[in-house]
N, C-alpha and C. Protein backbone atom coordinates (compact mmCIF):
# COMPACT_ATOMS: atom_id res chain seq x y z
N MET A 1 81.53 65.30 124.79
CA MET A 1 82.05 65.52 123.44
C MET A 1 83.52 65.08 123.39
N LYS A 2 83.83 64.29 122.37
CA LYS A 2 85.21 63.84 122.18
C LYS A 2 85.62 64.14 120.74
N LEU A 3 86.93 64.17 120.49
CA LEU A 3 87.43 64.51 119.15
C LEU A 3 86.86 63.59 118.07
N HIS A 4 86.72 62.31 118.36
CA HIS A 4 86.26 61.39 117.34
C HIS A 4 84.74 61.50 117.09
N THR A 5 84.04 62.25 117.93
CA THR A 5 82.59 62.41 117.72
C THR A 5 82.25 63.71 116.98
N LEU A 6 83.25 64.57 116.76
CA LEU A 6 82.99 65.85 116.09
C LEU A 6 82.63 65.64 114.63
N LYS A 7 81.59 66.32 114.15
CA LYS A 7 81.27 66.31 112.72
C LYS A 7 80.56 67.61 112.37
N PRO A 8 80.62 67.99 111.08
CA PRO A 8 80.01 69.27 110.68
C PRO A 8 78.50 69.28 110.88
N ALA A 9 77.92 70.48 110.97
CA ALA A 9 76.48 70.63 111.18
C ALA A 9 75.72 69.99 110.02
N LYS A 10 74.53 69.49 110.31
CA LYS A 10 73.72 68.81 109.30
C LYS A 10 73.38 69.77 108.16
N GLY A 11 73.65 69.33 106.93
CA GLY A 11 73.33 70.16 105.76
C GLY A 11 74.39 71.17 105.37
N SER A 12 75.49 71.25 106.14
CA SER A 12 76.52 72.25 105.83
C SER A 12 77.55 71.75 104.82
N VAL A 13 77.63 70.42 104.66
CA VAL A 13 78.61 69.86 103.73
C VAL A 13 77.89 69.13 102.60
N LYS A 14 78.12 69.62 101.35
CA LYS A 14 77.50 68.97 100.19
C LYS A 14 78.54 68.11 99.50
N SER A 15 78.07 66.99 98.88
CA SER A 15 79.00 66.16 98.13
C SER A 15 79.20 66.79 96.75
N ARG A 16 80.38 66.53 96.13
CA ARG A 16 80.68 67.17 94.86
C ARG A 16 79.81 66.61 93.75
N LYS A 17 79.65 67.40 92.68
CA LYS A 17 78.85 67.00 91.52
C LYS A 17 79.65 65.98 90.71
N ARG A 18 79.13 64.75 90.60
CA ARG A 18 79.83 63.71 89.84
C ARG A 18 79.29 63.70 88.42
N ILE A 19 80.09 64.27 87.49
CA ILE A 19 79.62 64.37 86.12
C ILE A 19 80.22 63.28 85.25
N GLY A 20 79.54 62.98 84.16
CA GLY A 20 80.04 61.96 83.23
C GLY A 20 79.96 60.56 83.79
N ARG A 21 78.92 60.26 84.58
CA ARG A 21 78.77 58.93 85.17
C ARG A 21 77.45 58.29 84.72
N GLY A 22 77.12 58.49 83.45
CA GLY A 22 75.93 57.82 82.89
C GLY A 22 74.70 58.70 82.85
N GLN A 23 73.74 58.32 81.98
CA GLN A 23 72.52 59.10 81.78
C GLN A 23 71.65 59.16 83.03
N GLY A 24 71.67 58.09 83.81
CA GLY A 24 70.82 58.02 85.00
C GLY A 24 71.13 59.10 86.02
N SER A 25 72.36 59.59 86.02
CA SER A 25 72.76 60.61 87.00
C SER A 25 72.19 61.98 86.64
N GLY A 26 71.79 62.14 85.37
CA GLY A 26 71.32 63.45 84.92
C GLY A 26 72.45 64.36 84.51
N LYS A 27 73.70 63.92 84.75
CA LYS A 27 74.87 64.72 84.38
C LYS A 27 75.78 63.90 83.47
N GLY A 28 75.19 62.99 82.70
CA GLY A 28 75.97 62.15 81.78
C GLY A 28 75.98 62.81 80.41
N GLY A 29 76.25 62.05 79.38
CA GLY A 29 76.19 62.57 78.01
C GLY A 29 77.23 63.64 77.76
N THR A 30 76.80 64.90 77.80
CA THR A 30 77.72 66.01 77.51
C THR A 30 78.46 66.48 78.76
N SER A 31 78.16 65.93 79.90
CA SER A 31 78.84 66.27 81.17
C SER A 31 78.82 67.77 81.46
N THR A 32 77.69 68.38 81.34
CA THR A 32 77.41 69.81 81.64
C THR A 32 78.20 70.77 80.75
N ARG A 33 78.76 70.28 79.59
CA ARG A 33 79.57 71.15 78.75
C ARG A 33 78.82 71.67 77.53
N GLY A 34 77.54 71.42 77.41
CA GLY A 34 76.82 71.85 76.20
C GLY A 34 77.15 70.90 75.07
N HIS A 35 76.94 71.36 73.81
CA HIS A 35 77.16 70.47 72.67
C HIS A 35 78.33 70.92 71.80
N LYS A 36 79.20 70.01 71.45
CA LYS A 36 80.30 70.18 70.49
C LYS A 36 81.12 71.46 70.68
N GLY A 37 82.01 71.73 69.75
CA GLY A 37 82.83 72.94 69.82
C GLY A 37 84.03 72.78 70.73
N ALA A 38 84.98 73.71 70.58
CA ALA A 38 86.24 73.62 71.31
C ALA A 38 86.03 73.59 72.82
N LYS A 39 85.05 74.34 73.32
CA LYS A 39 84.86 74.43 74.77
C LYS A 39 84.40 73.12 75.40
N SER A 40 83.86 72.20 74.57
CA SER A 40 83.41 70.93 75.12
C SER A 40 84.54 69.89 75.17
N ARG A 41 85.66 70.19 74.53
CA ARG A 41 86.76 69.22 74.44
C ARG A 41 87.68 69.30 75.67
N SER A 42 88.34 68.19 75.96
CA SER A 42 89.31 68.22 77.06
C SER A 42 90.56 68.94 76.60
N GLY A 43 91.26 69.59 77.52
CA GLY A 43 92.49 70.29 77.18
C GLY A 43 92.26 71.66 76.58
N TYR A 44 90.99 72.09 76.51
CA TYR A 44 90.70 73.39 75.91
C TYR A 44 91.13 74.51 76.84
N SER A 45 91.85 75.50 76.29
CA SER A 45 92.07 76.74 77.03
C SER A 45 92.17 77.87 76.02
N GLN A 46 91.44 78.92 76.27
CA GLN A 46 91.41 80.06 75.34
C GLN A 46 92.64 80.93 75.57
N LYS A 47 93.23 81.44 74.49
CA LYS A 47 94.38 82.35 74.63
C LYS A 47 93.92 83.60 75.36
N LEU A 48 94.81 84.19 76.15
CA LEU A 48 94.51 85.41 76.88
C LEU A 48 94.19 86.53 75.89
N GLY A 49 93.05 87.16 76.05
CA GLY A 49 92.68 88.28 75.18
C GLY A 49 92.06 87.84 73.86
N PHE A 50 91.81 86.52 73.67
CA PHE A 50 91.21 86.04 72.42
C PHE A 50 89.75 86.45 72.36
N GLU A 51 89.32 86.97 71.20
CA GLU A 51 87.94 87.44 71.05
C GLU A 51 87.25 86.73 69.90
N GLY A 52 87.47 85.43 69.77
CA GLY A 52 86.76 84.66 68.76
C GLY A 52 87.20 84.97 67.35
N GLY A 53 88.42 85.44 67.14
CA GLY A 53 88.91 85.73 65.81
C GLY A 53 88.78 87.21 65.45
N GLN A 54 87.92 87.93 66.17
CA GLN A 54 87.82 89.38 65.99
C GLN A 54 89.15 90.01 66.43
N MET A 55 89.53 91.12 65.81
CA MET A 55 90.78 91.78 66.19
C MET A 55 90.70 92.17 67.67
N PRO A 56 91.57 91.63 68.53
CA PRO A 56 91.45 91.87 69.97
C PRO A 56 91.74 93.31 70.37
N LEU A 57 91.19 93.70 71.49
CA LEU A 57 91.27 95.08 71.96
C LEU A 57 92.71 95.58 72.04
N GLN A 58 93.63 94.75 72.58
CA GLN A 58 95.00 95.22 72.76
C GLN A 58 95.71 95.44 71.43
N ARG A 59 95.16 94.92 70.31
CA ARG A 59 95.74 95.19 68.98
C ARG A 59 94.99 96.30 68.25
N ARG A 60 93.72 96.55 68.65
CA ARG A 60 92.93 97.62 68.03
C ARG A 60 93.36 98.99 68.52
N VAL A 61 93.76 99.07 69.77
CA VAL A 61 94.11 100.35 70.38
C VAL A 61 95.54 100.72 70.00
N PRO A 62 95.79 101.96 69.55
CA PRO A 62 97.14 102.33 69.14
C PRO A 62 98.11 102.43 70.31
N LYS A 63 99.39 102.19 70.01
CA LYS A 63 100.42 102.28 71.05
C LYS A 63 101.12 103.63 70.92
N PHE A 64 101.48 104.21 72.04
CA PHE A 64 102.28 105.43 71.99
C PHE A 64 103.00 105.61 73.31
N GLY A 65 104.03 106.47 73.30
CA GLY A 65 104.73 106.80 74.54
C GLY A 65 105.82 105.81 74.91
N PHE A 66 106.45 106.08 76.04
CA PHE A 66 107.57 105.29 76.52
C PHE A 66 107.62 105.41 78.04
N LYS A 67 107.75 104.28 78.72
CA LYS A 67 107.88 104.28 80.17
C LYS A 67 109.32 103.93 80.52
N ASN A 68 110.04 104.87 81.10
CA ASN A 68 111.43 104.64 81.45
C ASN A 68 111.50 103.77 82.71
N PRO A 69 112.05 102.56 82.61
CA PRO A 69 112.10 101.68 83.78
C PRO A 69 113.09 102.16 84.84
N ASN A 70 114.01 103.06 84.48
CA ASN A 70 115.04 103.51 85.42
C ASN A 70 114.73 104.86 86.05
N LYS A 71 113.52 105.38 85.85
CA LYS A 71 113.17 106.70 86.38
C LYS A 71 113.10 106.66 87.92
N THR A 72 113.67 107.66 88.57
CA THR A 72 113.58 107.74 90.03
C THR A 72 112.37 108.56 90.40
N ILE A 73 111.52 108.01 91.23
CA ILE A 73 110.30 108.70 91.63
C ILE A 73 110.43 109.10 93.09
N TYR A 74 110.30 110.41 93.32
CA TYR A 74 110.42 110.93 94.68
C TYR A 74 109.05 111.24 95.26
N LYS A 75 108.92 111.11 96.57
CA LYS A 75 107.71 111.52 97.28
C LYS A 75 107.94 112.98 97.68
N ALA A 76 107.06 113.87 97.22
CA ALA A 76 107.24 115.30 97.46
C ALA A 76 106.72 115.69 98.84
N VAL A 77 107.53 116.44 99.59
CA VAL A 77 107.13 116.98 100.88
C VAL A 77 107.45 118.47 100.84
N ASN A 78 106.45 119.31 101.12
CA ASN A 78 106.64 120.76 101.05
C ASN A 78 107.07 121.35 102.39
N LEU A 79 107.58 122.58 102.32
CA LEU A 79 108.06 123.26 103.54
C LEU A 79 106.94 123.47 104.56
N ASP A 80 105.70 123.76 104.07
CA ASP A 80 104.60 123.98 105.02
C ASP A 80 104.31 122.72 105.84
N SER A 81 104.46 121.52 105.23
CA SER A 81 104.25 120.30 106.02
C SER A 81 105.39 120.07 107.01
N LEU A 82 106.61 120.50 106.65
CA LEU A 82 107.74 120.40 107.59
C LEU A 82 107.52 121.34 108.78
N GLN A 83 106.97 122.52 108.49
CA GLN A 83 106.66 123.50 109.54
C GLN A 83 105.64 122.92 110.52
N GLU A 84 104.56 122.35 109.98
CA GLU A 84 103.52 121.73 110.82
C GLU A 84 104.09 120.59 111.65
N LEU A 85 104.93 119.76 111.01
CA LEU A 85 105.51 118.61 111.69
C LEU A 85 106.41 119.04 112.84
N SER A 86 107.25 120.06 112.60
CA SER A 86 108.17 120.52 113.66
C SER A 86 107.40 121.11 114.84
N GLU A 87 106.25 121.76 114.56
CA GLU A 87 105.42 122.30 115.65
C GLU A 87 104.75 121.16 116.41
N LYS A 88 104.32 120.13 115.68
CA LYS A 88 103.60 119.01 116.29
C LYS A 88 104.50 118.17 117.19
N ILE A 89 105.69 117.80 116.67
CA ILE A 89 106.56 116.90 117.46
C ILE A 89 107.67 117.64 118.20
N LYS A 90 107.73 118.94 118.06
CA LYS A 90 108.68 119.80 118.78
C LYS A 90 110.13 119.33 118.61
N THR A 91 110.57 119.22 117.35
CA THR A 91 111.95 118.84 117.06
C THR A 91 112.48 119.70 115.91
N THR A 92 113.80 119.85 115.85
CA THR A 92 114.39 120.63 114.77
C THR A 92 115.12 119.73 113.78
N ASN A 93 115.29 118.45 114.12
CA ASN A 93 115.96 117.51 113.22
C ASN A 93 114.92 116.70 112.45
N ILE A 94 114.85 116.94 111.13
CA ILE A 94 113.91 116.21 110.29
C ILE A 94 114.70 115.21 109.44
N THR A 95 114.49 113.92 109.72
CA THR A 95 115.16 112.87 108.94
C THR A 95 114.08 112.01 108.28
N ILE A 96 114.52 111.06 107.47
CA ILE A 96 113.59 110.13 106.82
C ILE A 96 112.80 109.35 107.87
N ASP A 97 113.49 108.92 108.95
CA ASP A 97 112.83 108.15 110.01
C ASP A 97 111.71 108.93 110.67
N VAL A 98 111.93 110.23 110.88
CA VAL A 98 110.90 111.09 111.49
C VAL A 98 109.69 111.19 110.56
N LEU A 99 109.94 111.37 109.25
CA LEU A 99 108.85 111.47 108.27
C LEU A 99 108.07 110.16 108.17
N VAL A 100 108.78 109.03 108.19
CA VAL A 100 108.13 107.72 108.13
C VAL A 100 107.32 107.48 109.40
N GLY A 101 107.91 107.80 110.54
CA GLY A 101 107.25 107.60 111.83
C GLY A 101 105.96 108.38 111.98
N ASN A 102 105.86 109.53 111.31
CA ASN A 102 104.66 110.36 111.40
C ASN A 102 103.71 110.15 110.23
N GLY A 103 103.99 109.13 109.40
CA GLY A 103 103.07 108.77 108.32
C GLY A 103 103.05 109.72 107.14
N ILE A 104 104.07 110.55 106.99
CA ILE A 104 104.10 111.49 105.87
C ILE A 104 104.58 110.78 104.61
N VAL A 105 105.56 109.87 104.76
CA VAL A 105 106.05 109.07 103.63
C VAL A 105 106.13 107.61 104.03
N GLY A 106 106.23 106.72 103.04
CA GLY A 106 106.41 105.30 103.31
C GLY A 106 107.87 104.99 103.56
N LYS A 107 108.14 103.82 104.15
CA LYS A 107 109.54 103.53 104.52
C LYS A 107 110.43 103.26 103.32
N ARG A 108 109.84 102.93 102.15
CA ARG A 108 110.66 102.68 100.96
C ARG A 108 110.71 103.89 100.02
N ASP A 109 110.00 104.97 100.35
CA ASP A 109 109.94 106.15 99.48
C ASP A 109 111.25 106.93 99.50
N LEU A 110 111.59 107.51 98.34
CA LEU A 110 112.67 108.49 98.26
C LEU A 110 112.01 109.85 98.45
N VAL A 111 112.58 110.71 99.28
CA VAL A 111 111.92 111.95 99.66
C VAL A 111 112.62 113.16 99.04
N LYS A 112 111.79 114.07 98.48
CA LYS A 112 112.31 115.33 97.96
C LYS A 112 111.54 116.47 98.60
N ILE A 113 112.26 117.45 99.12
CA ILE A 113 111.64 118.62 99.75
C ILE A 113 111.41 119.68 98.67
N LEU A 114 110.19 120.19 98.62
CA LEU A 114 109.83 121.25 97.67
C LEU A 114 109.53 122.55 98.42
N GLY A 115 109.55 123.67 97.70
CA GLY A 115 109.54 124.98 98.35
C GLY A 115 108.21 125.65 98.62
N ARG A 116 107.07 124.94 98.60
CA ARG A 116 105.79 125.58 98.87
C ARG A 116 105.65 125.85 100.38
N GLY A 117 105.17 127.02 100.72
CA GLY A 117 104.95 127.34 102.13
C GLY A 117 106.08 128.17 102.72
N GLU A 118 105.93 128.46 104.02
CA GLU A 118 106.88 129.32 104.71
C GLU A 118 107.48 128.56 105.89
N LEU A 119 108.74 128.85 106.17
CA LEU A 119 109.42 128.17 107.27
C LEU A 119 109.76 129.21 108.33
N LYS A 120 109.25 129.00 109.57
CA LYS A 120 109.48 129.97 110.64
C LYS A 120 110.49 129.46 111.68
N VAL A 121 110.85 128.16 111.58
CA VAL A 121 111.78 127.58 112.56
C VAL A 121 113.07 127.14 111.87
N LYS A 122 114.12 127.02 112.69
CA LYS A 122 115.42 126.57 112.19
C LYS A 122 115.39 125.04 112.17
N LEU A 123 115.55 124.44 110.97
CA LEU A 123 115.48 122.98 110.84
C LEU A 123 116.76 122.41 110.27
N ASN A 124 117.12 121.23 110.76
CA ASN A 124 118.22 120.46 110.17
C ASN A 124 117.57 119.31 109.40
N VAL A 125 117.60 119.39 108.07
CA VAL A 125 116.87 118.43 107.24
C VAL A 125 117.84 117.47 106.56
N SER A 126 117.49 116.17 106.59
CA SER A 126 118.30 115.15 105.96
C SER A 126 117.39 114.29 105.07
N VAL A 127 117.47 114.50 103.73
CA VAL A 127 116.59 113.81 102.78
C VAL A 127 117.36 113.39 101.53
N HIS A 128 116.66 112.73 100.58
CA HIS A 128 117.31 112.23 99.36
C HIS A 128 117.53 113.33 98.31
N ALA A 129 116.60 114.29 98.22
CA ALA A 129 116.74 115.37 97.23
C ALA A 129 116.01 116.61 97.74
N ILE A 130 116.38 117.77 97.20
CA ILE A 130 115.75 119.02 97.64
C ILE A 130 115.78 120.02 96.49
N SER A 131 114.72 120.82 96.37
CA SER A 131 114.69 121.84 95.31
C SER A 131 115.50 123.04 95.76
N ASP A 132 115.92 123.86 94.79
CA ASP A 132 116.75 125.03 95.11
C ASP A 132 116.02 126.01 96.02
N SER A 133 114.71 126.24 95.74
CA SER A 133 113.94 127.21 96.54
C SER A 133 113.79 126.73 97.99
N ALA A 134 113.60 125.42 98.16
CA ALA A 134 113.46 124.86 99.51
C ALA A 134 114.78 124.96 100.27
N LYS A 135 115.88 124.66 99.59
CA LYS A 135 117.20 124.72 100.22
C LYS A 135 117.50 126.15 100.67
N GLU A 136 117.17 127.10 99.79
CA GLU A 136 117.37 128.52 100.09
C GLU A 136 116.56 128.94 101.32
N ALA A 137 115.30 128.51 101.38
CA ALA A 137 114.41 128.88 102.49
C ALA A 137 114.89 128.29 103.81
N ILE A 138 115.36 127.03 103.78
CA ILE A 138 115.84 126.38 105.01
C ILE A 138 117.11 127.06 105.50
N GLU A 139 118.03 127.36 104.59
CA GLU A 139 119.28 128.01 104.98
C GLU A 139 119.05 129.46 105.42
N LYS A 140 118.03 130.11 104.85
CA LYS A 140 117.70 131.48 105.23
C LYS A 140 117.17 131.54 106.67
N SER A 141 116.45 130.47 107.07
CA SER A 141 115.92 130.42 108.44
C SER A 141 116.96 129.94 109.44
N GLY A 142 118.20 129.64 108.96
CA GLY A 142 119.29 129.26 109.86
C GLY A 142 119.50 127.76 109.98
N GLY A 143 118.80 126.98 109.18
CA GLY A 143 118.93 125.54 109.26
C GLY A 143 119.98 124.98 108.34
N THR A 144 120.13 123.65 108.33
CA THR A 144 121.10 123.00 107.45
C THR A 144 120.39 121.93 106.61
N VAL A 145 120.98 121.61 105.46
CA VAL A 145 120.43 120.59 104.57
C VAL A 145 121.50 119.53 104.29
N THR A 146 121.12 118.27 104.47
CA THR A 146 122.01 117.15 104.13
C THR A 146 121.30 116.30 103.09
N VAL A 147 121.95 116.11 101.93
CA VAL A 147 121.38 115.24 100.89
C VAL A 147 122.00 113.86 101.03
N LEU A 148 121.16 112.86 101.19
CA LEU A 148 121.65 111.49 101.39
C LEU A 148 122.14 110.89 100.10
């Protein structure tokens, strides 16, 4: 076997359909486009969402509400998950890197600690935001909170 002798398996490569090459080909005349109308013409492209002149869906459905493009979205992490994490990895320093490394948050997420659950260990927490109840619970257990 040599490079110049290589070829695809028999029957695996089909030749393209040659349309508009006369009646004898069986694909002449209308060139597989049906008869007349805009869709048979060259250069035809339908507008996005066009429904044949009927009022399109995006105009029939009413609009409401407002999406603030500047809203900050935090990934919520509760005290009970911090408790489990500190028991699992046996550390008292909880940073963003530790949370990302253990798959609790993504590396681009902003993290906010919330106050659900109980904290039995002294933790030093460093995150983007924290609720008042969570901050109180961490400081009550003897830990510290750093807001980035």
